[in-house]
Full PDB file with SEQRES, HELIX, SHEET, SSBOND, CRYST1, ORIGX, SCALE, CONECT and MASTER records, all heavy atoms in Angstrom:
SEQRES   1 A   39  ARG ALA VAL LEU HIS THR ALA LEU ARG ALA GLU GLU SER          
SEQRES   2 A   39  ALA ALA ILE HIS VAL ASP GLY ARG ASN VAL MET PRO ASP          
SEQRES   3 A   39  ILE ILE GLY VAL LYS LYS ARG LEU ALA ASP PHE ALA ASP          
HELIX    1 AA1 HIS A    5  ARG A    9  5                                   5    
HELIX    2 AA2 MET A   24  ALA A   38  1                                  15    
SHEET    1 AA1 2 HIS A  17  VAL A  18  0                                        
SHEET    2 AA1 2 ARG A  21  ASN A  22 -1                                        
CRYST1    1.000    1.000    1.000  90.00  90.00  90.00 P 1           1          
ORIGX1      1.000000  0.000000  0.000000        0.00000                         
ORIGX2      0.000000  1.000000  0.000000        0.00000                         
ORIGX3      0.000000  0.000000  1.000000        0.00000                         
SCALE1      1.000000  0.000000  0.000000        0.00000                         
SCALE2      0.000000  1.000000  0.000000        0.00000                         
SCALE3      0.000000  0.000000  1.000000        0.00000                         
ATOM      1  N   ARG A   1       0.844  -1.213   0.004  1.00  0.00           N  
ATOM      2  CA  ARG A   1      -0.014   0.013  -0.018  1.00  0.00           C  
ATOM      3  C   ARG A   1       0.855   1.265  -0.007  1.00  0.00           C  
ATOM      4  O   ARG A   1       1.966   1.251   0.547  1.00  0.00           O  
ATOM      5  CB  ARG A   1      -0.907   0.042   1.234  1.00  0.00           C  
ATOM      6  CG  ARG A   1      -1.971  -1.058   1.278  1.00  0.00           C  
ATOM      7  CD  ARG A   1      -2.696  -1.002   2.608  1.00  0.00           C  
ATOM      8  NE  ARG A   1      -3.729  -2.007   2.710  1.00  0.00           N  
ATOM      9  CZ  ARG A   1      -4.388  -2.315   3.786  1.00  0.00           C  
ATOM     10  NH1 ARG A   1      -4.120  -1.662   4.930  1.00  0.00           N  
ATOM     11  NH2 ARG A   1      -5.302  -3.251   3.789  1.00  0.00           N  
ATOM     12  N   ALA A   2       0.376   2.280  -0.613  1.00  0.00           N  
ATOM     13  CA  ALA A   2       0.940   3.638  -0.446  1.00  0.00           C  
ATOM     14  C   ALA A   2       0.683   4.137   0.980  1.00  0.00           C  
ATOM     15  O   ALA A   2      -0.149   3.562   1.731  1.00  0.00           O  
ATOM     16  CB  ALA A   2       0.328   4.572  -1.455  1.00  0.00           C  
ATOM     17  N   VAL A   3       1.407   5.163   1.344  1.00  0.00           N  
ATOM     18  CA  VAL A   3       1.255   5.757   2.678  1.00  0.00           C  
ATOM     19  C   VAL A   3       1.020   7.258   2.428  1.00  0.00           C  
ATOM     20  O   VAL A   3       1.983   8.029   2.200  1.00  0.00           O  
ATOM     21  CB  VAL A   3       2.526   5.549   3.513  1.00  0.00           C  
ATOM     22  CG1 VAL A   3       2.408   6.292   4.822  1.00  0.00           C  
ATOM     23  CG2 VAL A   3       2.748   4.033   3.738  1.00  0.00           C  
ATOM     24  N   LEU A   4      -0.226   7.693   2.462  1.00  0.00           N  
ATOM     25  CA  LEU A   4      -0.550   9.028   1.978  1.00  0.00           C  
ATOM     26  C   LEU A   4      -1.460   9.815   2.923  1.00  0.00           C  
ATOM     27  O   LEU A   4      -2.316  10.546   2.431  1.00  0.00           O  
ATOM     28  CB  LEU A   4      -1.199   8.951   0.580  1.00  0.00           C  
ATOM     29  CG  LEU A   4      -0.222   8.844  -0.583  1.00  0.00           C  
ATOM     30  CD1 LEU A   4      -0.940   8.733  -1.897  1.00  0.00           C  
ATOM     31  CD2 LEU A   4       0.684  10.062  -0.610  1.00  0.00           C  
ATOM     32  N   HIS A   5      -1.241   9.691   4.234  1.00  0.00           N  
ATOM     33  CA  HIS A   5      -1.946  10.581   5.103  1.00  0.00           C  
ATOM     34  C   HIS A   5      -1.579  12.049   4.798  1.00  0.00           C  
ATOM     35  O   HIS A   5      -2.415  12.942   5.051  1.00  0.00           O  
ATOM     36  CB  HIS A   5      -1.648  10.280   6.575  1.00  0.00           C  
ATOM     37  CG  HIS A   5      -0.175  10.160   6.899  1.00  0.00           C  
ATOM     38  ND1 HIS A   5       0.559   9.023   6.568  1.00  0.00           N  
ATOM     39  CD2 HIS A   5       0.716  11.009   7.418  1.00  0.00           C  
ATOM     40  CE1 HIS A   5       1.800   9.155   6.957  1.00  0.00           C  
ATOM     41  NE2 HIS A   5       1.932  10.385   7.451  1.00  0.00           N  
ATOM     42  N   THR A   6      -0.403  12.259   4.239  1.00  0.00           N  
ATOM     43  CA  THR A   6      -0.023  13.636   3.841  1.00  0.00           C  
ATOM     44  C   THR A   6      -0.907  14.164   2.758  1.00  0.00           C  
ATOM     45  O   THR A   6      -1.092  15.385   2.672  1.00  0.00           O  
ATOM     46  CB  THR A   6       1.443  13.636   3.370  1.00  0.00           C  
ATOM     47  OG1 THR A   6       1.625  12.666   2.362  1.00  0.00           O  
ATOM     48  CG2 THR A   6       2.376  13.347   4.545  1.00  0.00           C  
ATOM     49  N   ALA A   7      -1.455  13.330   1.893  1.00  0.00           N  
ATOM     50  CA  ALA A   7      -2.372  13.777   0.818  1.00  0.00           C  
ATOM     51  C   ALA A   7      -3.619  14.406   1.385  1.00  0.00           C  
ATOM     52  O   ALA A   7      -4.225  15.275   0.755  1.00  0.00           O  
ATOM     53  CB  ALA A   7      -2.679  12.660  -0.134  1.00  0.00           C  
ATOM     54  N   LEU A   8      -4.064  13.936   2.567  1.00  0.00           N  
ATOM     55  CA  LEU A   8      -5.289  14.448   3.185  1.00  0.00           C  
ATOM     56  C   LEU A   8      -5.194  15.911   3.536  1.00  0.00           C  
ATOM     57  O   LEU A   8      -6.199  16.579   3.646  1.00  0.00           O  
ATOM     58  CB  LEU A   8      -5.642  13.622   4.430  1.00  0.00           C  
ATOM     59  CG  LEU A   8      -5.828  12.135   4.203  1.00  0.00           C  
ATOM     60  CD1 LEU A   8      -5.907  11.397   5.495  1.00  0.00           C  
ATOM     61  CD2 LEU A   8      -7.064  11.871   3.376  1.00  0.00           C  
ATOM     62  N   ARG A   9      -3.959  16.419   3.678  1.00  0.00           N  
ATOM     63  CA  ARG A   9      -3.793  17.806   4.067  1.00  0.00           C  
ATOM     64  C   ARG A   9      -3.053  18.598   2.966  1.00  0.00           C  
ATOM     65  O   ARG A   9      -2.624  19.718   3.183  1.00  0.00           O  
ATOM     66  CB  ARG A   9      -3.036  17.932   5.396  1.00  0.00           C  
ATOM     67  CG  ARG A   9      -1.690  17.245   5.426  1.00  0.00           C  
ATOM     68  CD  ARG A   9      -1.461  16.464   6.672  1.00  0.00           C  
ATOM     69  NE  ARG A   9      -0.073  16.065   6.855  1.00  0.00           N  
ATOM     70  CZ  ARG A   9       0.340  15.206   7.750  1.00  0.00           C  
ATOM     71  NH1 ARG A   9      -0.520  14.616   8.554  1.00  0.00           N  
ATOM     72  NH2 ARG A   9       1.640  14.895   7.886  1.00  0.00           N  
ATOM     73  N   ALA A  10      -2.904  17.994   1.788  1.00  0.00           N  
ATOM     74  CA  ALA A  10      -2.216  18.653   0.674  1.00  0.00           C  
ATOM     75  C   ALA A  10      -3.127  19.774   0.099  1.00  0.00           C  
ATOM     76  O   ALA A  10      -4.337  19.789   0.324  1.00  0.00           O  
ATOM     77  CB  ALA A  10      -1.881  17.655  -0.399  1.00  0.00           C  
ATOM     78  N   GLU A  11      -2.502  20.683  -0.618  1.00  0.00           N  
ATOM     79  CA  GLU A  11      -3.244  21.703  -1.369  1.00  0.00           C  
ATOM     80  C   GLU A  11      -4.219  20.996  -2.338  1.00  0.00           C  
ATOM     81  O   GLU A  11      -3.859  19.999  -2.967  1.00  0.00           O  
ATOM     82  CB  GLU A  11      -2.330  22.627  -2.118  1.00  0.00           C  
ATOM     83  CG  GLU A  11      -1.463  23.509  -1.299  1.00  0.00           C  
ATOM     84  CD  GLU A  11      -2.198  24.739  -0.750  1.00  0.00           C  
ATOM     85  OE1 GLU A  11      -3.413  24.817  -0.999  1.00  0.00           O  
ATOM     86  OE2 GLU A  11      -1.569  25.584  -0.111  1.00  0.00           O  
ATOM     87  N   GLU A  12      -5.445  21.530  -2.452  1.00  0.00           N  
ATOM     88  CA  GLU A  12      -6.425  20.889  -3.313  1.00  0.00           C  
ATOM     89  C   GLU A  12      -6.028  20.904  -4.749  1.00  0.00           C  
ATOM     90  O   GLU A  12      -6.519  20.102  -5.538  1.00  0.00           O  
ATOM     91  CB  GLU A  12      -7.811  21.550  -3.104  1.00  0.00           C  
ATOM     92  CG  GLU A  12      -8.385  21.275  -1.732  1.00  0.00           C  
ATOM     93  CD  GLU A  12      -9.820  21.691  -1.601  1.00  0.00           C  
ATOM     94  OE1 GLU A  12     -10.344  22.320  -2.525  1.00  0.00           O  
ATOM     95  OE2 GLU A  12     -10.422  21.434  -0.545  1.00  0.00           O  
ATOM     96  N   SER A  13      -5.090  21.775  -5.124  1.00  0.00           N  
ATOM     97  CA  SER A  13      -4.628  21.872  -6.499  1.00  0.00           C  
ATOM     98  C   SER A  13      -3.573  20.807  -6.830  1.00  0.00           C  
ATOM     99  O   SER A  13      -3.171  20.610  -7.969  1.00  0.00           O  
ATOM    100  CB  SER A  13      -4.070  23.244  -6.810  1.00  0.00           C  
ATOM    101  OG  SER A  13      -3.016  23.527  -5.908  1.00  0.00           O  
ATOM    102  N   ALA A  14      -3.130  20.096  -5.789  1.00  0.00           N  
ATOM    103  CA  ALA A  14      -2.075  19.071  -6.004  1.00  0.00           C  
ATOM    104  C   ALA A  14      -2.611  17.901  -6.798  1.00  0.00           C  
ATOM    105  O   ALA A  14      -3.832  17.664  -6.840  1.00  0.00           O  
ATOM    106  CB  ALA A  14      -1.535  18.618  -4.656  1.00  0.00           C  
ATOM    107  N   ALA A  15      -1.693  17.199  -7.424  1.00  0.00           N  
ATOM    108  CA  ALA A  15      -2.021  15.923  -8.099  1.00  0.00           C  
ATOM    109  C   ALA A  15      -1.173  14.844  -7.515  1.00  0.00           C  
ATOM    110  O   ALA A  15       0.052  14.845  -7.660  1.00  0.00           O  
ATOM    111  CB  ALA A  15      -1.748  16.090  -9.627  1.00  0.00           C  
ATOM    112  N   ILE A  16      -1.796  13.926  -6.777  1.00  0.00           N  
ATOM    113  CA  ILE A  16      -1.114  12.837  -6.106  1.00  0.00           C  
ATOM    114  C   ILE A  16      -1.725  11.546  -6.623  1.00  0.00           C  
ATOM    115  O   ILE A  16      -2.931  11.314  -6.488  1.00  0.00           O  
ATOM    116  CB  ILE A  16      -1.237  12.989  -4.554  1.00  0.00           C  
ATOM    117  CG1 ILE A  16      -0.638  14.335  -4.127  1.00  0.00           C  
ATOM    118  CG2 ILE A  16      -0.530  11.840  -3.849  1.00  0.00           C  
ATOM    119  CD1 ILE A  16      -0.904  14.662  -2.702  1.00  0.00           C  
ATOM    120  N   HIS A  17      -0.863  10.665  -7.137  1.00  0.00           N  
ATOM    121  CA  HIS A  17      -1.343   9.493  -7.815  1.00  0.00           C  
ATOM    122  C   HIS A  17      -1.045   8.201  -7.026  1.00  0.00           C  
ATOM    123  O   HIS A  17       0.055   8.044  -6.452  1.00  0.00           O  
ATOM    124  CB  HIS A  17      -0.713   9.394  -9.200  1.00  0.00           C  
ATOM    125  CG  HIS A  17      -1.172  10.470 -10.124  1.00  0.00           C  
ATOM    126  ND1 HIS A  17      -0.607  11.726 -10.129  1.00  0.00           N  
ATOM    127  CD2 HIS A  17      -2.127  10.506 -11.073  1.00  0.00           C  
ATOM    128  CE1 HIS A  17      -1.202  12.483 -11.023  1.00  0.00           C  
ATOM    129  NE2 HIS A  17      -2.144  11.754 -11.638  1.00  0.00           N  
ATOM    130  N   VAL A  18      -2.008   7.332  -6.988  1.00  0.00           N  
ATOM    131  CA  VAL A  18      -1.866   5.973  -6.472  1.00  0.00           C  
ATOM    132  C   VAL A  18      -2.281   4.989  -7.580  1.00  0.00           C  
ATOM    133  O   VAL A  18      -3.393   5.122  -8.098  1.00  0.00           O  
ATOM    134  CB  VAL A  18      -2.700   5.756  -5.198  1.00  0.00           C  
ATOM    135  CG1 VAL A  18      -2.579   4.283  -4.744  1.00  0.00           C  
ATOM    136  CG2 VAL A  18      -2.248   6.704  -4.075  1.00  0.00           C  
ATOM    137  N   ASP A  19      -1.357   4.134  -7.979  1.00  0.00           N  
ATOM    138  CA  ASP A  19      -1.660   3.193  -9.048  1.00  0.00           C  
ATOM    139  C   ASP A  19      -2.111   3.935 -10.321  1.00  0.00           C  
ATOM    140  O   ASP A  19      -3.069   3.534 -11.002  1.00  0.00           O  
ATOM    141  CB  ASP A  19      -2.691   2.172  -8.656  1.00  0.00           C  
ATOM    142  CG  ASP A  19      -2.246   1.309  -7.497  1.00  0.00           C  
ATOM    143  OD1 ASP A  19      -1.024   1.044  -7.402  1.00  0.00           O  
ATOM    144  OD2 ASP A  19      -3.082   0.929  -6.656  1.00  0.00           O  
ATOM    145  N   GLY A  20      -1.494   5.078 -10.586  1.00  0.00           N  
ATOM    146  CA  GLY A  20      -1.766   5.821 -11.797  1.00  0.00           C  
ATOM    147  C   GLY A  20      -3.002   6.690 -11.709  1.00  0.00           C  
ATOM    148  O   GLY A  20      -3.366   7.340 -12.714  1.00  0.00           O  
ATOM    149  N   ARG A  21      -3.701   6.789 -10.588  1.00  0.00           N  
ATOM    150  CA  ARG A  21      -4.926   7.552 -10.463  1.00  0.00           C  
ATOM    151  C   ARG A  21      -4.749   8.665  -9.464  1.00  0.00           C  
ATOM    152  O   ARG A  21      -4.284   8.492  -8.351  1.00  0.00           O  
ATOM    153  CB  ARG A  21      -6.041   6.605 -10.023  1.00  0.00           C  
ATOM    154  CG  ARG A  21      -7.408   7.274  -9.883  1.00  0.00           C  
ATOM    155  CD  ARG A  21      -8.491   6.210  -9.649  1.00  0.00           C  
ATOM    156  NE  ARG A  21      -9.803   6.836  -9.456  1.00  0.00           N  
ATOM    157  CZ  ARG A  21     -10.289   7.211  -8.250  1.00  0.00           C  
ATOM    158  NH1 ARG A  21      -9.547   7.042  -7.177  1.00  0.00           N  
ATOM    159  NH2 ARG A  21     -11.498   7.760  -8.174  1.00  0.00           N  
ATOM    160  N   ASN A  22      -5.190   9.871  -9.852  1.00  0.00           N  
ATOM    161  CA  ASN A  22      -5.093  11.043  -8.962  1.00  0.00           C  
ATOM    162  C   ASN A  22      -6.144  10.895  -7.860  1.00  0.00           C  
ATOM    163  O   ASN A  22      -7.358  10.839  -8.114  1.00  0.00           O  
ATOM    164  CB  ASN A  22      -5.352  12.316  -9.778  1.00  0.00           C  
ATOM    165  CG  ASN A  22      -5.155  13.562  -8.944  1.00  0.00           C  
ATOM    166  OD1 ASN A  22      -4.759  13.493  -7.771  1.00  0.00           O  
ATOM    167  ND2 ASN A  22      -5.470  14.708  -9.519  1.00  0.00           N  
ATOM    168  N   VAL A  23      -5.660  10.847  -6.611  1.00  0.00           N  
ATOM    169  CA  VAL A  23      -6.610  10.621  -5.483  1.00  0.00           C  
ATOM    170  C   VAL A  23      -7.164  11.923  -4.929  1.00  0.00           C  
ATOM    171  O   VAL A  23      -8.090  11.882  -4.105  1.00  0.00           O  
ATOM    172  CB  VAL A  23      -5.893   9.855  -4.329  1.00  0.00           C  
ATOM    173  CG1 VAL A  23      -5.401   8.485  -4.817  1.00  0.00           C  
ATOM    174  CG2 VAL A  23      -4.731  10.697  -3.764  1.00  0.00           C  
ATOM    175  N   MET A  24      -6.660  13.064  -5.381  1.00  0.00           N  
ATOM    176  CA  MET A  24      -7.129  14.310  -4.796  1.00  0.00           C  
ATOM    177  C   MET A  24      -8.605  14.572  -5.028  1.00  0.00           C  
ATOM    178  O   MET A  24      -9.279  15.096  -4.128  1.00  0.00           O  
ATOM    179  CB  MET A  24      -6.274  15.497  -5.332  1.00  0.00           C  
ATOM    180  CG  MET A  24      -4.878  15.492  -4.779  1.00  0.00           C  
ATOM    181  SD  MET A  24      -4.781  15.450  -2.931  1.00  0.00           S  
ATOM    182  CE  MET A  24      -5.593  17.016  -2.528  1.00  0.00           C  
ATOM    183  N   PRO A  25      -9.201  14.294  -6.184  1.00  0.00           N  
ATOM    184  CA  PRO A  25     -10.625  14.530  -6.340  1.00  0.00           C  
ATOM    185  C   PRO A  25     -11.462  13.771  -5.299  1.00  0.00           C  
ATOM    186  O   PRO A  25     -12.480  14.264  -4.796  1.00  0.00           O  
ATOM    187  CB  PRO A  25     -10.917  14.043  -7.756  1.00  0.00           C  
ATOM    188  CG  PRO A  25      -9.648  14.246  -8.476  1.00  0.00           C  
ATOM    189  CD  PRO A  25      -8.573  13.913  -7.489  1.00  0.00           C  
ATOM    190  N   ASP A  26     -11.062  12.510  -4.986  1.00  0.00           N  
ATOM    191  CA  ASP A  26     -11.788  11.742  -3.979  1.00  0.00           C  
ATOM    192  C   ASP A  26     -11.642  12.414  -2.617  1.00  0.00           C  
ATOM    193  O   ASP A  26     -12.654  12.468  -1.833  1.00  0.00           O  
ATOM    194  CB  ASP A  26     -11.230  10.319  -3.907  1.00  0.00           C  
ATOM    195  CG  ASP A  26     -11.601   9.472  -5.122  1.00  0.00           C  
ATOM    196  OD1 ASP A  26     -12.523   9.890  -5.876  1.00  0.00           O  
ATOM    197  OD2 ASP A  26     -10.970   8.427  -5.324  1.00  0.00           O  
ATOM    198  N   ILE A  27     -10.439  12.845  -2.286  1.00  0.00           N  
ATOM    199  CA  ILE A  27     -10.231  13.491  -0.987  1.00  0.00           C  
ATOM    200  C   ILE A  27     -11.053  14.752  -0.858  1.00  0.00           C  
ATOM    201  O   ILE A  27     -11.729  14.992   0.157  1.00  0.00           O  
ATOM    202  CB  ILE A  27      -8.732  13.820  -0.806  1.00  0.00           C  
ATOM    203  CG1 ILE A  27      -7.935  12.508  -0.714  1.00  0.00           C  
ATOM    204  CG2 ILE A  27      -8.486  14.700   0.442  1.00  0.00           C  
ATOM    205  CD1 ILE A  27      -6.421  12.716  -0.715  1.00  0.00           C  
ATOM    206  N   ILE A  28     -11.045  15.547  -1.907  1.00  0.00           N  
ATOM    207  CA  ILE A  28     -11.841  16.789  -1.902  1.00  0.00           C  
ATOM    208  C   ILE A  28     -13.341  16.491  -1.742  1.00  0.00           C  
ATOM    209  O   ILE A  28     -14.023  17.202  -1.042  1.00  0.00           O  
ATOM    210  CB  ILE A  28     -11.569  17.603  -3.205  1.00  0.00           C  
ATOM    211  CG1 ILE A  28     -10.108  18.068  -3.189  1.00  0.00           C  
ATOM    212  CG2 ILE A  28     -12.479  18.757  -3.319  1.00  0.00           C  
ATOM    213  CD1 ILE A  28      -9.630  18.609  -4.545  1.00  0.00           C  
ATOM    214  N   GLY A  29     -13.769  15.443  -2.434  1.00  0.00           N  
ATOM    215  CA  GLY A  29     -15.203  15.100  -2.333  1.00  0.00           C  
ATOM    216  C   GLY A  29     -15.632  14.687  -0.966  1.00  0.00           C  
ATOM    217  O   GLY A  29     -16.691  15.123  -0.461  1.00  0.00           O  
ATOM    218  N   VAL A  30     -14.793  13.880  -0.299  1.00  0.00           N  
ATOM    219  CA  VAL A  30     -15.126  13.482   1.102  1.00  0.00           C  
ATOM    220  C   VAL A  30     -15.050  14.712   2.018  1.00  0.00           C  
ATOM    221  O   VAL A  30     -15.934  14.856   2.889  1.00  0.00           O  
ATOM    222  CB  VAL A  30     -14.190  12.363   1.560  1.00  0.00           C  
ATOM    223  CG1 VAL A  30     -14.364  12.081   3.072  1.00  0.00           C  
ATOM    224  CG2 VAL A  30     -14.423  11.089   0.772  1.00  0.00           C  
ATOM    225  N   LYS A  31     -14.066  15.578   1.839  1.00  0.00           N  
ATOM    226  CA  LYS A  31     -13.999  16.761   2.675  1.00  0.00           C  
ATOM    227  C   LYS A  31     -15.257  17.629   2.535  1.00  0.00           C  
ATOM    228  O   LYS A  31     -15.802  18.140   3.543  1.00  0.00           O  
ATOM    229  CB  LYS A  31     -12.815  17.586   2.249  1.00  0.00           C  
ATOM    230  CG  LYS A  31     -11.468  17.162   2.778  1.00  0.00           C  
ATOM    231  CD  LYS A  31     -10.409  18.180   2.375  1.00  0.00           C  
ATOM    232  CE  LYS A  31      -8.999  17.756   2.722  1.00  0.00           C  
ATOM    233  NZ  LYS A  31      -8.024  18.704   2.233  1.00  0.00           N  
ATOM    234  N   LYS A  32     -15.745  17.736   1.332  1.00  0.00           N  
ATOM    235  CA  LYS A  32     -16.918  18.561   1.080  1.00  0.00           C  
ATOM    236  C   LYS A  32     -18.160  17.914   1.764  1.00  0.00           C  
ATOM    237  O   LYS A  32     -18.970  18.612   2.435  1.00  0.00           O  
ATOM    238  CB  LYS A  32     -17.212  18.709  -0.396  1.00  0.00           C  
ATOM    239  CG  LYS A  32     -18.390  19.678  -0.702  1.00  0.00           C  
ATOM    240  CD  LYS A  32     -18.575  19.860  -2.194  1.00  0.00           C  
ATOM    241  CE  LYS A  32     -19.661  20.905  -2.457  1.00  0.00           C  
ATOM    242  NZ  LYS A  32     -20.923  20.658  -1.767  1.00  0.00           N  
ATOM    243  N   ARG A  33     -18.323  16.597   1.666  1.00  0.00           N  
ATOM    244  CA  ARG A  33     -19.455  15.927   2.328  1.00  0.00           C  
ATOM    245  C   ARG A  33     -19.337  16.058   3.824  1.00  0.00           C  
ATOM    246  O   ARG A  33     -20.347  16.308   4.517  1.00  0.00           O  
ATOM    247  CB  ARG A  33     -19.449  14.435   1.914  1.00  0.00           C  
ATOM    248  CG  ARG A  33     -19.816  14.204   0.488  1.00  0.00           C  
ATOM    249  CD  ARG A  33     -19.952  12.711   0.192  1.00  0.00           C  
ATOM    250  NE  ARG A  33     -20.971  12.093   1.044  1.00  0.00           N  
ATOM    251  CZ  ARG A  33     -20.736  11.024   1.811  1.00  0.00           C  
ATOM    252  NH1 ARG A  33     -19.561  10.441   1.891  1.00  0.00           N  
ATOM    253  NH2 ARG A  33     -21.717  10.549   2.573  1.00  0.00           N  
ATOM    254  N   LEU A  34     -18.124  15.958   4.367  1.00  0.00           N  
ATOM    255  CA  LEU A  34     -17.954  16.098   5.810  1.00  0.00           C  
ATOM    256  C   LEU A  34     -18.310  17.528   6.240  1.00  0.00           C  
ATOM    257  O   LEU A  34     -19.016  17.715   7.267  1.00  0.00           O  
ATOM    258  CB  LEU A  34     -16.494  15.830   6.185  1.00  0.00           C  
ATOM    259  CG  LEU A  34     -16.040  14.368   6.203  1.00  0.00           C  
ATOM    260  CD1 LEU A  34     -14.495  14.279   6.271  1.00  0.00           C  
ATOM    261  CD2 LEU A  34     -16.650  13.615   7.383  1.00  0.00           C  
ATOM    262  N   ALA A  35     -17.849  18.530   5.486  1.00  0.00           N  
ATOM    263  CA  ALA A  35     -18.118  19.907   5.836  1.00  0.00           C  
ATOM    264  C   ALA A  35     -19.614  20.205   5.775  1.00  0.00           C  
ATOM    265  O   ALA A  35     -20.168  20.890   6.654  1.00  0.00           O  
ATOM    266  CB  ALA A  35     -17.337  20.838   4.918  1.00  0.00           C  
ATOM    267  N   ASP A  36     -20.284  19.688   4.748  1.00  0.00           N  
ATOM    268  CA  ASP A  36     -21.725  19.911   4.617  1.00  0.00           C  
ATOM    269  C   ASP A  36     -22.460  19.289   5.811  1.00  0.00           C  
ATOM    270  O   ASP A  36     -23.389  19.922   6.371  1.00  0.00           O  
ATOM    271  CB  ASP A  36     -22.260  19.296   3.293  1.00  0.00           C  
ATOM    272  CG  ASP A  36     -21.802  20.094   2.071  1.00  0.00           C  
ATOM    273  OD1 ASP A  36     -21.327  21.227   2.240  1.00  0.00           O  
ATOM    274  OD2 ASP A  36     -21.887  19.524   0.951  1.00  0.00           O  
ATOM    275  N   PHE A  37     -22.084  18.081   6.162  1.00  0.00           N  
ATOM    276  CA  PHE A  37     -22.730  17.409   7.280  1.00  0.00           C  
ATOM    277  C   PHE A  37     -22.456  18.162   8.575  1.00  0.00           C  
ATOM    278  O   PHE A  37     -23.364  18.418   9.394  1.00  0.00           O  
ATOM    279  CB  PHE A  37     -22.245  15.942   7.392  1.00  0.00           C  
ATOM    280  CG  PHE A  37     -22.777  15.246   8.583  1.00  0.00           C  
ATOM    281  CD1 PHE A  37     -24.073  14.773   8.626  1.00  0.00           C  
ATOM    282  CD2 PHE A  37     -21.972  14.981   9.701  1.00  0.00           C  
ATOM    283  CE1 PHE A  37     -24.607  14.105   9.741  1.00  0.00           C  
ATOM    284  CE2 PHE A  37     -22.471  14.297  10.795  1.00  0.00           C  
ATOM    285  CZ  PHE A  37     -23.785  13.859  10.798  1.00  0.00           C  
ATOM    286  N   ALA A  38     -21.199  18.565   8.798  1.00  0.00           N  
ATOM    287  CA  ALA A  38     -20.835  19.266  10.020  1.00  0.00           C  
ATOM    288  C   ALA A  38     -21.627  20.558  10.147  1.00  0.00           C  
ATOM    289  O   ALA A  38     -22.125  20.900  11.230  1.00  0.00           O  
ATOM    290  CB  ALA A  38     -19.334  19.513  10.069  1.00  0.00           C  
ATOM    291  N   ASP A  39     -21.740  21.288   9.071  1.00  0.00           N  
ATOM    292  CA  ASP A  39     -22.499  22.529   9.110  1.00  0.00           C  
ATOM    293  C   ASP A  39     -23.978  22.285   9.444  1.00  0.00           C  
ATOM    294  O   ASP A  39     -24.578  23.077  10.199  1.00  0.00           O  
ATOM    295  CB  ASP A  39     -22.398  23.273   7.742  1.00  0.00           C  
ATOM    296  CG  ASP A  39     -21.076  23.967   7.560  1.00  0.00           C  
ATOM    297  OD1 ASP A  39     -20.417  24.269   8.589  1.00  0.00           O  
ATOM    298  OD2 ASP A  39     -20.682  24.251   6.404  1.00  0.00           O  
TER     299      ASP A  39                                                      
MASTER        0    0    0    2    2    0    0    6  298    1    0    3          
END                                                                             
């Protein structure tokens, strides 16, 4: 496995790939859902 807890706090404009796939859109999506729920 990759070790990417650092990606969770990276700039949203970053491109971080796992197995050739940029994981940042997924991270941003979960953050948005969390923020909407928290609000």
